[in-house]
PDB file of N, CA and C in Angstrom:
ATOM      1  N   MET A   1     205.911 146.754 -41.407  1.00  0.00           N
ATOM      2  CA  MET A   1     206.120 146.034 -40.451  1.00  0.00           C
ATOM      3  C   MET A   1     204.856 145.753 -39.539  1.00  0.00           C
ATOM      4  N   ASN A   2     204.660 144.484 -39.209  1.00  0.00           N
ATOM      5  CA  ASN A   2     203.502 144.213 -38.436  1.00  0.00           C
ATOM      6  C   ASN A   2     203.726 144.186 -36.864  1.00  0.00           C
ATOM      7  N   ASN A   3     202.551 144.119 -36.123  1.00  0.00           N
ATOM      8  CA  ASN A   3     202.880 144.460 -34.732  1.00  0.00           C
ATOM      9  C   ASN A   3     203.743 143.509 -33.918  1.00  0.00           C
ATOM     10  N   ASP A   4     203.772 142.263 -34.515  1.00  0.00           N
ATOM     11  CA  ASP A   4     204.605 141.459 -33.751  1.00  0.00           C
ATOM     12  C   ASP A   4     206.271 141.625 -34.098  1.00  0.00           C
ATOM     13  N   LYS A   5     206.611 142.232 -35.175  1.00  0.00           N
ATOM     14  CA  LYS A   5     207.893 142.506 -35.579  1.00  0.00           C
ATOM     15  C   LYS A   5     208.071 143.939 -34.791  1.00  0.00           C
ATOM     16  N   LEU A   6     207.285 144.687 -34.713  1.00  0.00           N
ATOM     17  CA  LEU A   6     207.494 146.060 -33.973  1.00  0.00           C
ATOM     18  C   LEU A   6     207.706 145.710 -32.424  1.00  0.00           C
ATOM     19  N   ALA A   7     206.918 144.808 -31.882  1.00  0.00           N
ATOM     20  CA  ALA A   7     207.094 144.580 -30.496  1.00  0.00           C
ATOM     21  C   ALA A   7     208.474 143.964 -30.346  1.00  0.00           C
ATOM     22  N   VAL A   8     208.831 143.004 -31.119  1.00  0.00           N
ATOM     23  CA  VAL A   8     210.243 142.251 -30.962  1.00  0.00           C
ATOM     24  C   VAL A   8     211.429 143.459 -31.073  1.00  0.00           C
ATOM     25  N   LEU A   9     211.272 144.387 -32.169  1.00  0.00           N
ATOM     26  CA  LEU A   9     212.065 145.588 -32.339  1.00  0.00           C
ATOM     27  C   LEU A   9     212.152 146.371 -30.943  1.00  0.00           C
ATOM     28  N   LEU A  10     211.052 146.837 -30.548  1.00  0.00           N
ATOM     29  CA  LEU A  10     210.973 147.593 -29.220  1.00  0.00           C
ATOM     30  C   LEU A  10     211.656 146.665 -28.111  1.00  0.00           C
ATOM     31  N   GLY A  11     211.378 145.563 -27.808  1.00  0.00           N
ATOM     32  CA  GLY A  11     211.859 144.735 -26.716  1.00  0.00           C
ATOM     33  C   GLY A  11     213.162 144.586 -26.986  1.00  0.00           C
ATOM     34  N   THR A  12     213.796 144.295 -27.818  1.00  0.00           N
ATOM     35  CA  THR A  12     215.121 143.971 -27.959  1.00  0.00           C
ATOM     36  C   THR A  12     216.265 144.996 -28.417  1.00  0.00           C
ATOM     37  N   CYS A  13     215.760 146.010 -29.173  1.00  0.00           N
ATOM     38  CA  CYS A  13     216.714 147.132 -29.490  1.00  0.00           C
ATOM     39  C   CYS A  13     216.236 148.215 -28.822  1.00  0.00           C
ATOM     40  N   ILE A  14     215.172 148.789 -29.211  1.00  0.00           N
ATOM     41  CA  ILE A  14     214.857 150.273 -28.870  1.00  0.00           C
ATOM     42  C   ILE A  14     214.664 150.590 -27.360  1.00  0.00           C
ATOM     43  N   ILE A  15     213.997 149.758 -26.602  1.00  0.00           N
ATOM     44  CA  ILE A  15     213.675 150.053 -25.238  1.00  0.00           C
ATOM     45  C   ILE A  15     215.084 149.844 -24.365  1.00  0.00           C
ATOM     46  N   PRO A  16     215.697 148.692 -24.623  1.00  0.00           N
ATOM     47  CA  PRO A  16     217.124 148.486 -24.112  1.00  0.00           C
ATOM     48  C   PRO A  16     218.186 149.726 -24.480  1.00  0.00           C
ATOM     49  N   SER A  17     218.000 150.173 -25.658  1.00  0.00           N
ATOM     50  CA  SER A  17     218.817 151.485 -25.959  1.00  0.00           C
ATOM     51  C   SER A  17     218.512 152.720 -25.164  1.00  0.00           C
ATOM     52  N   ILE A  18     217.194 152.872 -24.932  1.00  0.00           N
ATOM     53  CA  ILE A  18     216.523 153.826 -24.146  1.00  0.00           C
ATOM     54  C   ILE A  18     217.206 153.844 -22.855  1.00  0.00           C
ATOM     55  N   VAL A  19     217.031 152.571 -22.225  1.00  0.00           N
ATOM     56  CA  VAL A  19     217.684 152.288 -20.744  1.00  0.00           C
ATOM     57  C   VAL A  19     219.147 152.633 -20.804  1.00  0.00           C
ATOM     58  N   LYS A  20     219.881 152.224 -21.742  1.00  0.00           N
ATOM     59  CA  LYS A  20     221.371 152.490 -21.775  1.00  0.00           C
ATOM     60  C   LYS A  20     221.531 154.110 -21.855  1.00  0.00           C
ATOM     61  N   GLU A  21     220.835 154.741 -22.882  1.00  0.00           N
ATOM     62  CA  GLU A  21     221.032 156.211 -22.842  1.00  0.00           C
ATOM     63  C   GLU A  21     220.767 156.847 -21.712  1.00  0.00           C
ATOM     64  N   LEU A  22     219.658 156.356 -20.939  1.00  0.00           N
ATOM     65  CA  LEU A  22     219.530 157.229 -19.760  1.00  0.00           C
ATOM     66  C   LEU A  22     220.242 156.825 -18.663  1.00  0.00           C
ATOM     67  N   LYS A  23     221.160 155.753 -18.923  1.00  0.00           N
ATOM     68  CA  LYS A  23     222.152 155.327 -17.711  1.00  0.00           C
ATOM     69  C   LYS A  23     221.192 154.715 -16.547  1.00  0.00           C
ATOM     70  N   ILE A  24     220.103 153.951 -16.710  1.00  0.00           N
ATOM     71  CA  ILE A  24     219.513 153.334 -15.858  1.00  0.00           C
ATOM     72  C   ILE A  24     220.241 152.099 -15.248  1.00  0.00           C
ATOM     73  N   SER A  25     220.474 152.167 -13.954  1.00  0.00           N
ATOM     74  CA  SER A  25     221.022 150.981 -13.319  1.00  0.00           C
ATOM     75  C   SER A  25     220.291 149.692 -13.310  1.00  0.00           C
ATOM     76  N   ASP A  26     221.019 148.814 -13.235  1.00  0.00           N
ATOM     77  CA  ASP A  26     220.475 147.159 -13.131  1.00  0.00           C
ATOM     78  C   ASP A  26     219.343 147.274 -12.163  1.00  0.00           C
ATOM     79  N   SER A  27     219.595 147.889 -10.818  1.00  0.00           N
ATOM     80  CA  SER A  27     218.715 147.648  -9.932  1.00  0.00           C
ATOM     81  C   SER A  27     217.456 148.680 -10.044  1.00  0.00           C
ATOM     82  N   GLU A  28     217.665 149.639 -11.008  1.00  0.00           N
ATOM     83  CA  GLU A  28     216.453 150.564 -11.085  1.00  0.00           C
ATOM     84  C   GLU A  28     215.630 150.145 -12.431  1.00  0.00           C
ATOM     85  N   GLN A  29     215.968 149.085 -13.094  1.00  0.00           N
ATOM     86  CA  GLN A  29     215.407 148.818 -14.556  1.00  0.00           C
ATOM     87  C   GLN A  29     213.949 148.439 -14.358  1.00  0.00           C
ATOM     88  N   VAL A  30     213.429 147.703 -13.359  1.00  0.00           N
ATOM     89  CA  VAL A  30     212.094 147.018 -13.261  1.00  0.00           C
ATOM     90  C   VAL A  30     211.377 148.246 -12.735  1.00  0.00           C
ATOM     91  N   THR A  31     211.752 149.060 -12.201  1.00  0.00           N
ATOM     92  CA  THR A  31     210.824 150.398 -11.819  1.00  0.00           C
ATOM     93  C   THR A  31     211.013 151.366 -13.214  1.00  0.00           C
ATOM     94  N   PHE A  32     211.892 151.403 -13.630  1.00  0.00           N
ATOM     95  CA  PHE A  32     211.995 152.341 -15.025  1.00  0.00           C
ATOM     96  C   PHE A  32     210.922 151.717 -15.914  1.00  0.00           C
ATOM     97  N   LEU A  33     211.021 150.516 -16.157  1.00  0.00           N
ATOM     98  CA  LEU A  33     210.340 149.770 -17.370  1.00  0.00           C
ATOM     99  C   LEU A  33     208.713 149.947 -16.822  1.00  0.00           C
ATOM    100  N   ASN A  34     208.511 149.573 -15.541  1.00  0.00           N
ATOM    101  CA  ASN A  34     207.135 149.928 -15.251  1.00  0.00           C
ATOM    102  C   ASN A  34     206.589 151.366 -15.510  1.00  0.00           C
ATOM    103  N   LYS A  35     207.274 152.303 -15.039  1.00  0.00           N
ATOM    104  CA  LYS A  35     206.982 153.818 -15.685  1.00  0.00           C
ATOM    105  C   LYS A  35     207.038 153.981 -16.934  1.00  0.00           C
ATOM    106  N   PHE A  36     208.061 153.442 -17.919  1.00  0.00           N
ATOM    107  CA  PHE A  36     208.030 153.637 -19.272  1.00  0.00           C
ATOM    108  C   PHE A  36     206.883 153.096 -20.019  1.00  0.00           C
ATOM    109  N   TYR A  37     206.420 151.758 -19.493  1.00  0.00           N
ATOM    110  CA  TYR A  37     205.309 151.215 -20.164  1.00  0.00           C
ATOM    111  C   TYR A  37     203.924 151.948 -19.811  1.00  0.00           C
ATOM    112  N   GLN A  38     203.876 152.852 -18.856  1.00  0.00           N
ATOM    113  CA  GLN A  38     202.779 153.598 -18.585  1.00  0.00           C
ATOM    114  C   GLN A  38     202.838 154.947 -19.168  1.00  0.00           C
ATOM    115  N   SER A  39     203.752 155.337 -19.888  1.00  0.00           N
ATOM    116  CA  SER A  39     204.064 156.521 -20.446  1.00  0.00           C
ATOM    117  C   SER A  39     203.229 156.850 -21.592  1.00  0.00           C
ATOM    118  N   SER A  40     202.988 158.158 -21.938  1.00  0.00           N
ATOM    119  CA  SER A  40     202.285 158.494 -23.264  1.00  0.00           C
ATOM    120  C   SER A  40     203.229 158.281 -24.434  1.00  0.00           C
ATOM    121  N   LEU A  41     204.515 158.394 -24.022  1.00  0.00           N
ATOM    122  CA  LEU A  41     205.474 158.080 -25.155  1.00  0.00           C
ATOM    123  C   LEU A  41     205.236 156.487 -25.489  1.00  0.00           C
ATOM    124  N   TYR A  42     205.247 155.669 -24.803  1.00  0.00           N
ATOM    125  CA  TYR A  42     205.092 154.235 -25.061  1.00  0.00           C
ATOM    126  C   TYR A  42     203.905 154.162 -25.846  1.00  0.00           C
ATOM    127  N   ASP A  43     202.755 154.631 -25.307  1.00  0.00           N
ATOM    128  CA  ASP A  43     201.634 154.487 -25.968  1.00  0.00           C
ATOM    129  C   ASP A  43     201.585 154.769 -27.427  1.00  0.00           C
ATOM    130  N   ILE A  44     202.252 155.764 -27.691  1.00  0.00           N
ATOM    131  CA  ILE A  44     202.364 156.101 -29.128  1.00  0.00           C
ATOM    132  C   ILE A  44     203.518 155.228 -29.832  1.00  0.00           C
ATOM    133  N   LEU A  45     204.381 155.087 -29.267  1.00  0.00           N
ATOM    134  CA  LEU A  45     205.626 154.146 -29.747  1.00  0.00           C
ATOM    135  C   LEU A  45     205.180 152.920 -30.201  1.00  0.00           C
ATOM    136  N   ILE A  46     204.267 152.225 -29.532  1.00  0.00           N
ATOM    137  CA  ILE A  46     203.867 150.866 -30.102  1.00  0.00           C
ATOM    138  C   ILE A  46     202.901 150.869 -31.278  1.00  0.00           C
ATOM    139  N   ARG A  47     202.479 152.197 -31.666  1.00  0.00           N
ATOM    140  CA  ARG A  47     201.537 152.193 -32.668  1.00  0.00           C
ATOM    141  C   ARG A  47     202.431 152.350 -33.968  1.00  0.00           C
ATOM    142  N   GLU A  48     202.523 151.467 -35.017  1.00  0.00           N
ATOM    143  CA  GLU A  48     203.352 151.259 -35.936  1.00  0.00           C
ATOM    144  C   GLU A  48     203.173 152.529 -36.889  1.00  0.00           C
ATOM    145  N   GLU A  49     202.130 152.957 -37.060  1.00  0.00           N
ATOM    146  CA  GLU A  49     201.642 154.308 -37.970  1.00  0.00           C
ATOM    147  C   GLU A  49     202.311 155.423 -37.599  1.00  0.00           C
ATOM    148  N   THR A  50     202.601 155.577 -36.107  1.00  0.00           N
ATOM    149  CA  THR A  50     203.236 156.781 -35.775  1.00  0.00           C
ATOM    150  C   THR A  50     204.777 156.967 -36.380  1.00  0.00           C
ATOM    151  N   ALA A  51     205.360 155.772 -36.518  1.00  0.00           N
ATOM    152  CA  ALA A  51     206.817 155.631 -37.167  1.00  0.00           C
ATOM    153  C   ALA A  51     207.868 156.302 -35.854  1.00  0.00           C
ATOM    154  N   LEU A  52     207.307 156.452 -34.828  1.00  0.00           N
ATOM    155  CA  LEU A  52     208.427 157.053 -33.686  1.00  0.00           C
ATOM    156  C   LEU A  52     209.604 156.012 -33.478  1.00  0.00           C
ATOM    157  N   TRP A  53     209.315 154.617 -33.802  1.00  0.00           N
ATOM    158  CA  TRP A  53     210.304 153.613 -33.603  1.00  0.00           C
ATOM    159  C   TRP A  53     211.367 153.948 -34.460  1.00  0.00           C
ATOM    160  N   HIS A  54     211.296 154.834 -35.570  1.00  0.00           N
ATOM    161  CA  HIS A  54     212.605 155.195 -36.358  1.00  0.00           C
ATOM    162  C   HIS A  54     213.488 156.109 -35.657  1.00  0.00           C
ATOM    163  N   LEU A  55     213.172 156.900 -34.616  1.00  0.00           N
ATOM    164  CA  LEU A  55     213.963 157.873 -34.041  1.00  0.00           C
ATOM    165  C   LEU A  55     214.987 157.203 -33.225  1.00  0.00           C
ATOM    166  N   SER A  56     216.148 158.028 -33.057  1.00  0.00           N
ATOM    167  CA  SER A  56     217.221 157.447 -32.305  1.00  0.00           C
ATOM    168  C   SER A  56     216.868 157.267 -30.746  1.00  0.00           C
ATOM    169  N   PRO A  57     217.630 156.445 -30.196  1.00  0.00           N
ATOM    170  CA  PRO A  57     217.434 156.418 -28.757  1.00  0.00           C
ATOM    171  C   PRO A  57     217.835 157.536 -27.996  1.00  0.00           C
ATOM    172  N   THR A  58     218.726 158.180 -28.379  1.00  0.00           N
ATOM    173  CA  THR A  58     218.890 159.723 -27.763  1.00  0.00           C
ATOM    174  C   THR A  58     217.662 160.617 -27.748  1.00  0.00           C
ATOM    175  N   THR A  59     217.027 160.525 -28.860  1.00  0.00           N
ATOM    176  CA  THR A  59     215.688 161.412 -29.031  1.00  0.00           C
ATOM    177  C   THR A  59     214.737 160.909 -28.137  1.00  0.00           C
ATOM    178  N   LEU A  60     214.499 159.638 -28.448  1.00  0.00           N
ATOM    179  CA  LEU A  60     213.346 158.998 -27.420  1.00  0.00           C
ATOM    180  C   LEU A  60     213.590 158.996 -26.099  1.00  0.00           C
ATOM    181  N   ALA A  61     214.897 159.089 -25.659  1.00  0.00           N
ATOM    182  CA  ALA A  61     215.207 159.167 -24.229  1.00  0.00           C
ATOM    183  C   ALA A  61     214.939 160.709 -23.687  1.00  0.00           C
ATOM    184  N   GLU A  62     215.266 161.467 -24.783  1.00  0.00           N
ATOM    185  CA  GLU A  62     215.026 163.115 -24.397  1.00  0.00           C
ATOM    186  C   GLU A  62     213.439 163.358 -24.186  1.00  0.00           C
ATOM    187  N   ILE A  63     212.767 162.738 -25.334  1.00  0.00           N
ATOM    188  CA  ILE A  63     211.293 162.919 -25.216  1.00  0.00           C
ATOM    189  C   ILE A  63     210.767 162.264 -23.898  1.00  0.00           C
ATOM    190  N   TYR A  64     211.229 161.173 -23.438  1.00  0.00           N
ATOM    191  CA  TYR A  64     210.597 160.383 -22.089  1.00  0.00           C
ATOM    192  C   TYR A  64     211.043 161.171 -21.068  1.00  0.00           C
ATOM    193  N   GLU A  65     212.306 161.848 -21.003  1.00  0.00           N
ATOM    194  CA  GLU A  65     212.710 162.680 -19.900  1.00  0.00           C
ATOM    195  C   GLU A  65     211.834 163.945 -19.715  1.00  0.00           C
ATOM    196  N   TYR A  66     211.628 164.464 -20.737  1.00  0.00           N
ATOM    197  CA  TYR A  66     210.672 165.742 -20.764  1.00  0.00           C
ATOM    198  C   TYR A  66     209.259 165.418 -20.419  1.00  0.00           C
ATOM    199  N   GLU A  67     208.831 164.242 -20.898  1.00  0.00           N
ATOM    200  CA  GLU A  67     207.412 163.930 -20.386  1.00  0.00           C
ATOM    201  C   GLU A  67     207.323 163.634 -18.939  1.00  0.00           C
ATOM    202  N   GLN A  68     208.343 162.994 -18.345  1.00  0.00           N
ATOM    203  CA  GLN A  68     208.380 162.762 -16.916  1.00  0.00           C
ATOM    204  C   GLN A  68     208.627 164.011 -15.948  1.00  0.00           C
ATOM    205  N   LYS A  69     209.413 164.785 -16.635  1.00  0.00           N
ATOM    206  CA  LYS A  69     209.526 166.137 -15.877  1.00  0.00           C
ATOM    207  C   LYS A  69     208.308 167.151 -15.872  1.00  0.00           C
ATOM    208  N   THR A  70     207.709 167.208 -17.057  1.00  0.00           N
ATOM    209  CA  THR A  70     206.521 168.221 -17.282  1.00  0.00           C
ATOM    210  C   THR A  70     205.193 167.606 -17.453  1.00  0.00           C
ATOM    211  N   GLY A  71     205.189 166.369 -17.589  1.00  0.00           N
ATOM    212  CA  GLY A  71     203.825 165.585 -17.919  1.00  0.00           C
ATOM    213  C   GLY A  71     203.349 165.901 -19.214  1.00  0.00           C
ATOM    214  N   ILE A  72     204.207 166.505 -20.075  1.00  0.00           N
ATOM    215  CA  ILE A  72     203.771 166.817 -21.547  1.00  0.00           C
ATOM    216  C   ILE A  72     204.588 165.930 -22.523  1.00  0.00           C
ATOM    217  N   LEU A  73     203.799 165.193 -23.304  1.00  0.00           N
ATOM    218  CA  LEU A  73     204.518 164.547 -24.629  1.00  0.00           C
ATOM    219  C   LEU A  73     204.692 165.500 -25.578  1.00  0.00           C
ATOM    220  N   GLU A  74     206.027 165.742 -25.855  1.00  0.00           N
ATOM    221  CA  GLU A  74     206.421 166.671 -26.937  1.00  0.00           C
ATOM    222  C   GLU A  74     207.336 166.066 -27.955  1.00  0.00           C
ATOM    223  N   LEU A  75     206.574 165.959 -29.163  1.00  0.00           N
ATOM    224  CA  LEU A  75     207.327 165.283 -30.163  1.00  0.00           C
ATOM    225  C   LEU A  75     208.056 166.100 -31.125  1.00  0.00           C
ATOM    226  N   PRO A  76     208.951 165.509 -31.727  1.00  0.00           N
ATOM    227  CA  PRO A  76     209.892 166.385 -32.810  1.00  0.00           C
ATOM    228  C   PRO A  76     209.003 166.865 -33.942  1.00  0.00           C
ATOM    229  N   GLU A  77     209.235 167.962 -34.260  1.00  0.00           N
ATOM    230  CA  GLU A  77     208.451 168.544 -35.487  1.00  0.00           C
ATOM    231  C   GLU A  77     208.536 167.911 -36.679  1.00  0.00           C
ATOM    232  N   GLU A  78     209.574 167.259 -36.980  1.00  0.00           N
ATOM    233  CA  GLU A  78     209.759 166.560 -38.194  1.00  0.00           C
ATOM    234  C   GLU A  78     208.642 165.239 -38.505  1.00  0.00           C
ATOM    235  N   LEU A  79     207.889 164.927 -37.428  1.00  0.00           N
ATOM    236  CA  LEU A  79     206.960 163.924 -37.426  1.00  0.00           C
ATOM    237  C   LEU A  79     205.842 164.395 -38.160  1.00  0.00           C
TER     238      LEU A  79
END
């Protein structure tokens, strides 16, 4: 998958699914997305070679929440 395809996948499927999983309201989405795009998770998610994009939205949401609470990006061991 090239970077353009990954960007489309992230923008149309993965990130909206994370928003849904976290139950982010419409009024909070801009704030959430600004924070998400600045997160360490996003920095790694956009790199195709990490293959994080294959994780479920639930797992990605849990990783994001943990990072926001602790400041630590903790990835599943199976990676």
